[in-house]
């Protein structure tokens, strides 16, 4: 379902391209290239993704017996990072690609190993800044 919504989103926002993504049990990682300075940016894209997947999930609950959820399907915030160099790009892309097989080392896994990965440190060690936390505005 998330893949379908992402396909829809990138047909709407044609100035952006999905480079890599992985859906995990309680989060997802996407590497997105935004190719212009249009008015529509990442906050609007995330709002679209969260809204459309929530609507589709509610349809799945009603029509397909999917498990219900209380409150919100998505957390209100998300993390983004501007990739500033090739080394950072390569590390983030590799992190996304390997995330499923390293699930036991992911800090977003509530049952992770003690020596879990920290994506913030991975990015800081690339010398490319830090992850920013954003709360998209509500229309």
N, C-alpha and C. Protein backbone atom coordinates (compact mmCIF):
# COMPACT_ATOMS: atom_id res chain seq x y z
N UNK A 1 0.82 -1.18 0.00
CA UNK A 1 0.00 0.00 0.00
C UNK A 1 0.88 1.27 0.00
N UNK A 2 1.92 1.27 0.80
CA UNK A 2 2.81 2.44 0.84
C UNK A 2 3.49 2.63 -0.51
N UNK A 3 3.89 1.54 -1.14
CA UNK A 3 4.53 1.65 -2.47
C UNK A 3 3.57 2.28 -3.48
N UNK A 4 2.31 1.89 -3.43
CA UNK A 4 1.30 2.44 -4.35
C UNK A 4 1.14 3.94 -4.11
N UNK A 5 1.05 4.35 -2.86
CA UNK A 5 0.89 5.77 -2.54
C UNK A 5 2.14 6.54 -2.96
N UNK A 6 3.32 5.97 -2.75
CA UNK A 6 4.55 6.65 -3.19
C UNK A 6 4.56 6.82 -4.71
N UNK A 7 4.14 5.80 -5.44
CA UNK A 7 4.05 5.91 -6.90
C UNK A 7 3.12 7.06 -7.29
N UNK A 8 1.95 7.13 -6.63
CA UNK A 8 1.02 8.23 -6.89
C UNK A 8 1.66 9.58 -6.59
N UNK A 9 2.33 9.64 -5.44
CA UNK A 9 2.92 10.90 -5.00
C UNK A 9 3.96 11.41 -6.00
N UNK A 10 4.79 10.52 -6.50
CA UNK A 10 5.83 10.96 -7.42
C UNK A 10 5.29 11.23 -8.82
N UNK A 11 4.09 10.76 -9.12
CA UNK A 11 3.47 11.19 -10.37
C UNK A 11 2.85 12.57 -10.21
N UNK A 12 2.44 12.93 -8.99
CA UNK A 12 1.92 14.27 -8.71
C UNK A 12 3.07 15.27 -8.60
N UNK A 13 4.09 14.91 -7.83
CA UNK A 13 5.25 15.78 -7.61
C UNK A 13 6.39 15.34 -8.53
N UNK A 14 6.28 15.70 -9.79
CA UNK A 14 7.22 15.22 -10.79
C UNK A 14 8.59 15.88 -10.69
N UNK A 15 8.72 16.89 -9.85
CA UNK A 15 10.01 17.55 -9.66
C UNK A 15 10.87 16.79 -8.64
N UNK A 16 10.35 15.67 -8.13
CA UNK A 16 11.07 14.88 -7.14
C UNK A 16 11.19 13.44 -7.63
N UNK A 17 12.23 12.77 -7.13
CA UNK A 17 12.48 11.39 -7.54
C UNK A 17 12.81 10.56 -6.31
N UNK A 18 12.24 9.38 -6.23
CA UNK A 18 12.54 8.45 -5.16
C UNK A 18 13.79 7.68 -5.54
N UNK A 19 14.85 7.84 -4.76
CA UNK A 19 16.12 7.17 -5.03
C UNK A 19 16.15 5.79 -4.37
N UNK A 20 15.76 5.73 -3.12
CA UNK A 20 15.79 4.48 -2.37
C UNK A 20 14.77 4.58 -1.25
N UNK A 21 14.22 3.45 -0.86
CA UNK A 21 13.30 3.44 0.28
C UNK A 21 13.18 2.04 0.83
N UNK A 22 12.82 1.99 2.10
CA UNK A 22 12.55 0.71 2.75
C UNK A 22 11.45 0.95 3.78
N UNK A 23 10.50 0.03 3.82
CA UNK A 23 9.43 0.08 4.82
C UNK A 23 9.81 -0.89 5.93
N UNK A 24 9.89 -0.36 7.14
CA UNK A 24 10.24 -1.15 8.32
C UNK A 24 8.98 -1.37 9.15
N UNK A 25 9.03 -2.22 10.17
CA UNK A 25 7.82 -2.49 10.96
C UNK A 25 7.18 -1.26 11.60
N UNK A 26 7.98 -0.26 11.96
CA UNK A 26 7.40 0.92 12.63
C UNK A 26 7.86 2.25 12.06
N UNK A 27 8.48 2.24 10.89
CA UNK A 27 8.92 3.47 10.25
C UNK A 27 9.32 3.18 8.80
N UNK A 28 9.63 4.23 8.08
CA UNK A 28 10.18 4.02 6.75
C UNK A 28 11.30 5.01 6.51
N UNK A 29 12.21 4.60 5.63
CA UNK A 29 13.30 5.47 5.21
C UNK A 29 13.13 5.72 3.72
N UNK A 30 13.30 6.98 3.31
CA UNK A 30 13.26 7.34 1.89
C UNK A 30 14.43 8.25 1.59
N UNK A 31 15.05 8.03 0.47
CA UNK A 31 16.05 8.96 -0.06
C UNK A 31 15.40 9.58 -1.30
N UNK A 32 15.13 10.87 -1.20
CA UNK A 32 14.38 11.59 -2.23
C UNK A 32 15.25 12.70 -2.79
N UNK A 33 15.25 12.82 -4.10
CA UNK A 33 15.93 13.93 -4.77
C UNK A 33 14.87 14.92 -5.23
N UNK A 34 14.97 16.16 -4.74
CA UNK A 34 14.07 17.22 -5.18
C UNK A 34 14.85 18.06 -6.18
N UNK A 35 14.36 18.09 -7.41
CA UNK A 35 15.14 18.63 -8.51
C UNK A 35 14.83 20.06 -8.89
N UNK A 36 13.98 20.74 -8.11
CA UNK A 36 13.72 22.15 -8.40
C UNK A 36 13.31 22.85 -7.12
N UNK A 37 13.29 24.14 -7.16
CA UNK A 37 12.91 24.95 -6.01
C UNK A 37 11.45 25.37 -6.08
N UNK A 38 10.61 24.47 -6.63
CA UNK A 38 9.18 24.77 -6.72
C UNK A 38 8.61 25.08 -5.34
N UNK A 39 7.44 25.65 -5.33
CA UNK A 39 6.74 25.95 -4.09
C UNK A 39 6.45 24.66 -3.31
N UNK A 40 6.16 23.58 -4.03
CA UNK A 40 5.86 22.31 -3.39
C UNK A 40 7.17 21.67 -2.97
N UNK A 41 7.32 21.42 -1.68
CA UNK A 41 8.54 20.84 -1.17
C UNK A 41 8.28 19.62 -0.33
N UNK A 42 9.28 19.25 0.44
CA UNK A 42 9.20 18.05 1.26
C UNK A 42 8.04 18.08 2.26
N UNK A 43 7.77 19.18 2.95
CA UNK A 43 6.63 19.16 3.88
C UNK A 43 5.31 18.80 3.20
N UNK A 44 5.07 19.32 2.02
CA UNK A 44 3.84 18.99 1.30
C UNK A 44 3.83 17.53 0.86
N UNK A 45 4.99 17.04 0.46
CA UNK A 45 5.09 15.65 0.04
C UNK A 45 4.83 14.72 1.23
N UNK A 46 5.36 15.03 2.39
CA UNK A 46 5.15 14.20 3.57
C UNK A 46 3.69 14.25 4.02
N UNK A 47 3.07 15.42 3.92
CA UNK A 47 1.66 15.54 4.25
C UNK A 47 0.83 14.66 3.30
N UNK A 48 1.15 14.68 2.01
CA UNK A 48 0.46 13.85 1.03
C UNK A 48 0.63 12.37 1.38
N UNK A 49 1.86 11.95 1.64
CA UNK A 49 2.14 10.54 1.95
C UNK A 49 1.37 10.09 3.19
N UNK A 50 1.43 10.87 4.24
CA UNK A 50 0.76 10.49 5.49
C UNK A 50 -0.75 10.49 5.34
N UNK A 51 -1.29 11.48 4.65
CA UNK A 51 -2.73 11.57 4.47
C UNK A 51 -3.25 10.41 3.62
N UNK A 52 -2.62 10.18 2.47
CA UNK A 52 -3.09 9.13 1.55
C UNK A 52 -2.93 7.74 2.16
N UNK A 53 -1.82 7.48 2.84
CA UNK A 53 -1.64 6.15 3.44
C UNK A 53 -2.64 5.94 4.58
N UNK A 54 -2.95 7.00 5.34
CA UNK A 54 -3.94 6.87 6.41
C UNK A 54 -5.31 6.55 5.84
N UNK A 55 -5.70 7.25 4.78
CA UNK A 55 -7.00 6.98 4.14
C UNK A 55 -7.03 5.54 3.62
N UNK A 56 -5.98 5.13 2.94
CA UNK A 56 -5.93 3.77 2.40
C UNK A 56 -5.95 2.73 3.51
N UNK A 57 -5.26 3.01 4.61
CA UNK A 57 -5.24 2.06 5.72
C UNK A 57 -6.64 1.95 6.34
N UNK A 58 -7.33 3.06 6.50
CA UNK A 58 -8.69 3.03 7.04
C UNK A 58 -9.59 2.19 6.13
N UNK A 59 -9.44 2.33 4.82
CA UNK A 59 -10.20 1.48 3.88
C UNK A 59 -9.86 0.01 4.10
N UNK A 60 -8.58 -0.29 4.34
CA UNK A 60 -8.16 -1.66 4.61
C UNK A 60 -8.75 -2.21 5.90
N UNK A 61 -8.86 -1.36 6.90
CA UNK A 61 -9.48 -1.78 8.17
C UNK A 61 -10.95 -2.12 7.93
N UNK A 62 -11.64 -1.26 7.21
CA UNK A 62 -13.07 -1.46 6.96
C UNK A 62 -13.36 -2.62 6.02
N UNK A 63 -12.55 -2.76 4.98
CA UNK A 63 -12.88 -3.70 3.91
C UNK A 63 -12.08 -5.00 3.94
N UNK A 64 -10.91 -5.00 4.59
CA UNK A 64 -10.03 -6.17 4.52
C UNK A 64 -9.67 -6.76 5.87
N UNK A 65 -10.25 -6.21 6.93
CA UNK A 65 -9.97 -6.75 8.26
C UNK A 65 -8.59 -6.42 8.80
N UNK A 66 -7.96 -5.35 8.28
CA UNK A 66 -6.64 -4.96 8.81
C UNK A 66 -6.80 -4.53 10.26
N UNK A 67 -5.75 -4.65 11.07
CA UNK A 67 -5.83 -4.24 12.48
C UNK A 67 -6.14 -2.74 12.59
N UNK A 68 -7.02 -2.41 13.54
CA UNK A 68 -7.35 -1.01 13.79
C UNK A 68 -6.16 -0.33 14.46
N UNK A 69 -6.12 0.98 14.39
CA UNK A 69 -5.11 1.76 15.11
C UNK A 69 -5.81 2.83 15.91
N UNK A 70 -5.25 3.14 17.05
CA UNK A 70 -5.79 4.19 17.91
C UNK A 70 -5.02 5.48 17.65
N UNK A 71 -5.72 6.58 17.63
CA UNK A 71 -5.06 7.87 17.46
C UNK A 71 -4.63 8.10 16.03
N UNK A 72 -3.34 8.26 15.81
CA UNK A 72 -2.79 8.57 14.50
C UNK A 72 -1.98 7.40 13.97
N UNK A 73 -2.07 7.17 12.68
CA UNK A 73 -1.26 6.13 12.04
C UNK A 73 0.20 6.56 12.00
N UNK A 74 0.45 7.84 11.77
CA UNK A 74 1.79 8.40 11.68
C UNK A 74 2.04 9.34 12.85
N UNK A 75 3.29 9.43 13.26
CA UNK A 75 3.65 10.48 14.23
C UNK A 75 3.58 11.82 13.50
N UNK A 76 3.40 12.90 14.24
CA UNK A 76 3.22 14.20 13.60
C UNK A 76 4.52 14.73 13.01
N UNK A 77 5.63 14.29 13.51
CA UNK A 77 6.93 14.80 13.04
C UNK A 77 7.61 13.80 12.12
N UNK A 78 8.60 14.30 11.42
CA UNK A 78 9.45 13.44 10.62
C UNK A 78 10.85 14.06 10.62
N UNK A 79 11.81 13.27 10.24
CA UNK A 79 13.19 13.75 10.20
C UNK A 79 13.64 13.84 8.76
N UNK A 80 14.33 14.93 8.45
CA UNK A 80 14.89 15.03 7.12
C UNK A 80 16.32 15.51 7.22
N UNK A 81 17.04 15.36 6.14
CA UNK A 81 18.45 15.72 6.09
C UNK A 81 18.79 16.09 4.66
N UNK A 82 19.48 17.18 4.49
CA UNK A 82 19.98 17.56 3.17
C UNK A 82 21.32 16.88 2.97
N UNK A 83 21.42 16.07 1.93
CA UNK A 83 22.66 15.36 1.63
C UNK A 83 23.59 16.33 0.91
N UNK A 84 24.74 16.57 1.49
CA UNK A 84 25.63 17.61 0.98
C UNK A 84 26.87 17.10 0.25
N UNK A 85 27.14 15.81 0.34
CA UNK A 85 28.32 15.30 -0.36
C UNK A 85 28.12 13.83 -0.71
N UNK A 86 28.98 13.33 -1.58
CA UNK A 86 28.85 11.95 -2.07
C UNK A 86 29.03 10.94 -0.95
N UNK A 87 29.95 11.21 -0.04
CA UNK A 87 30.19 10.28 1.07
C UNK A 87 28.92 10.13 1.93
N UNK A 88 28.27 11.23 2.24
CA UNK A 88 27.04 11.20 3.01
C UNK A 88 25.95 10.46 2.24
N UNK A 89 25.82 10.75 0.96
CA UNK A 89 24.84 10.08 0.10
C UNK A 89 25.05 8.57 0.14
N UNK A 90 26.30 8.15 -0.04
CA UNK A 90 26.61 6.72 -0.06
C UNK A 90 26.29 6.05 1.27
N UNK A 91 26.64 6.69 2.37
CA UNK A 91 26.39 6.13 3.71
C UNK A 91 24.89 6.02 3.99
N UNK A 92 24.14 7.06 3.66
CA UNK A 92 22.69 7.06 3.91
C UNK A 92 22.01 6.02 3.02
N UNK A 93 22.40 5.96 1.77
CA UNK A 93 21.85 4.98 0.84
C UNK A 93 22.13 3.55 1.33
N UNK A 94 23.34 3.32 1.78
CA UNK A 94 23.71 2.00 2.32
C UNK A 94 22.91 1.68 3.59
N UNK A 95 22.75 2.68 4.46
CA UNK A 95 21.98 2.49 5.69
C UNK A 95 20.55 2.06 5.36
N UNK A 96 19.94 2.73 4.39
CA UNK A 96 18.57 2.38 3.99
C UNK A 96 18.53 0.96 3.42
N UNK A 97 19.47 0.66 2.54
CA UNK A 97 19.51 -0.65 1.89
C UNK A 97 19.68 -1.79 2.91
N UNK A 98 20.55 -1.58 3.89
CA UNK A 98 20.86 -2.63 4.87
C UNK A 98 19.92 -2.65 6.07
N UNK A 99 19.05 -1.65 6.21
CA UNK A 99 18.21 -1.53 7.39
C UNK A 99 17.40 -2.79 7.70
N UNK A 100 16.76 -3.44 6.72
CA UNK A 100 15.98 -4.64 7.05
C UNK A 100 16.81 -5.76 7.68
N UNK A 101 18.00 -6.00 7.16
CA UNK A 101 18.81 -7.08 7.73
C UNK A 101 19.50 -6.67 9.03
N UNK A 102 19.49 -5.38 9.34
CA UNK A 102 20.09 -4.89 10.59
C UNK A 102 19.01 -4.43 11.58
N UNK A 103 17.78 -4.92 11.43
CA UNK A 103 16.67 -4.49 12.26
C UNK A 103 16.98 -4.64 13.75
N UNK A 104 17.68 -5.68 14.13
CA UNK A 104 18.01 -5.88 15.55
C UNK A 104 19.02 -4.85 16.05
N UNK A 105 19.61 -4.06 15.15
CA UNK A 105 20.56 -3.02 15.54
C UNK A 105 20.00 -1.61 15.31
N UNK A 106 18.71 -1.51 15.03
CA UNK A 106 18.08 -0.22 14.74
C UNK A 106 17.45 0.34 16.01
N UNK A 107 17.82 1.56 16.38
CA UNK A 107 17.30 2.16 17.60
C UNK A 107 15.78 2.37 17.57
N UNK A 108 15.18 2.34 16.39
CA UNK A 108 13.73 2.46 16.30
C UNK A 108 13.02 1.14 16.59
N UNK A 109 13.79 0.08 16.73
CA UNK A 109 13.28 -1.22 17.15
C UNK A 109 13.30 -1.25 18.67
N UNK A 110 12.13 -1.36 19.26
CA UNK A 110 12.03 -1.31 20.73
C UNK A 110 12.78 -2.45 21.40
N UNK A 111 13.11 -3.50 20.66
CA UNK A 111 13.84 -4.64 21.21
C UNK A 111 15.25 -4.74 20.62
N UNK A 112 15.84 -3.60 20.26
CA UNK A 112 17.14 -3.61 19.59
C UNK A 112 18.26 -4.02 20.54
N UNK A 113 19.38 -4.42 19.94
CA UNK A 113 20.58 -4.76 20.70
C UNK A 113 21.13 -3.52 21.39
N UNK A 114 21.93 -3.73 22.41
CA UNK A 114 22.51 -2.62 23.17
C UNK A 114 23.41 -1.75 22.30
N UNK A 115 24.05 -2.33 21.29
CA UNK A 115 24.97 -1.58 20.43
C UNK A 115 24.28 -1.13 19.14
N UNK A 116 23.05 -0.65 19.26
CA UNK A 116 22.24 -0.26 18.11
C UNK A 116 22.85 0.90 17.34
N UNK A 117 22.52 0.96 16.05
CA UNK A 117 22.97 2.04 15.17
C UNK A 117 22.27 3.34 15.54
N UNK A 118 22.95 4.43 15.31
CA UNK A 118 22.35 5.75 15.50
C UNK A 118 22.53 6.51 14.20
N UNK A 119 21.46 6.67 13.45
CA UNK A 119 21.53 7.34 12.14
C UNK A 119 22.05 8.77 12.29
N UNK A 120 21.74 9.42 13.42
CA UNK A 120 22.24 10.77 13.65
C UNK A 120 23.77 10.79 13.66
N UNK A 121 24.37 9.84 14.35
CA UNK A 121 25.84 9.78 14.42
C UNK A 121 26.43 9.41 13.07
N UNK A 122 25.77 8.52 12.35
CA UNK A 122 26.23 8.14 11.02
C UNK A 122 26.35 9.37 10.13
N UNK A 123 25.34 10.22 10.15
CA UNK A 123 25.33 11.41 9.30
C UNK A 123 26.33 12.43 9.80
N UNK A 124 26.40 12.65 11.11
CA UNK A 124 27.37 13.60 11.65
C UNK A 124 28.79 13.18 11.33
N UNK A 125 29.05 11.88 11.34
CA UNK A 125 30.39 11.38 11.02
C UNK A 125 30.73 11.54 9.55
N UNK A 126 29.76 11.82 8.72
CA UNK A 126 30.01 12.08 7.30
C UNK A 126 30.40 13.54 7.06
N UNK A 127 30.35 14.34 8.12
CA UNK A 127 30.71 15.75 7.99
C UNK A 127 29.70 16.54 7.19
N UNK A 128 28.44 16.16 7.29
CA UNK A 128 27.45 16.80 6.43
C UNK A 128 26.28 17.39 7.22
N UNK A 129 26.50 17.76 8.44
CA UNK A 129 25.43 18.40 9.19
C UNK A 129 24.67 17.43 10.05
N UNK A 130 23.43 17.73 10.29
CA UNK A 130 22.61 16.91 11.16
C UNK A 130 21.21 16.76 10.62
N UNK A 131 20.50 15.82 11.17
CA UNK A 131 19.10 15.63 10.81
C UNK A 131 18.30 16.73 11.47
N UNK A 132 17.37 17.27 10.75
CA UNK A 132 16.49 18.30 11.29
C UNK A 132 15.12 17.67 11.56
N UNK A 133 14.46 18.10 12.61
CA UNK A 133 13.13 17.61 12.89
C UNK A 133 12.13 18.70 12.51
N UNK A 134 11.13 18.34 11.75
CA UNK A 134 10.16 19.29 11.27
C UNK A 134 8.76 18.85 11.66
N UNK A 135 7.91 19.80 11.95
CA UNK A 135 6.49 19.55 12.13
C UNK A 135 5.80 20.26 10.98
N UNK A 136 5.32 19.51 9.98
CA UNK A 136 4.66 20.18 8.85
C UNK A 136 3.44 20.96 9.31
N UNK A 137 3.21 22.08 8.69
CA UNK A 137 2.06 22.89 9.04
C UNK A 137 0.79 22.21 8.57
N UNK A 138 -0.28 22.41 9.27
CA UNK A 138 -1.56 21.82 8.93
C UNK A 138 -2.35 22.82 8.11
N UNK A 139 -2.89 22.37 6.97
CA UNK A 139 -3.70 23.23 6.11
C UNK A 139 -5.06 23.44 6.71
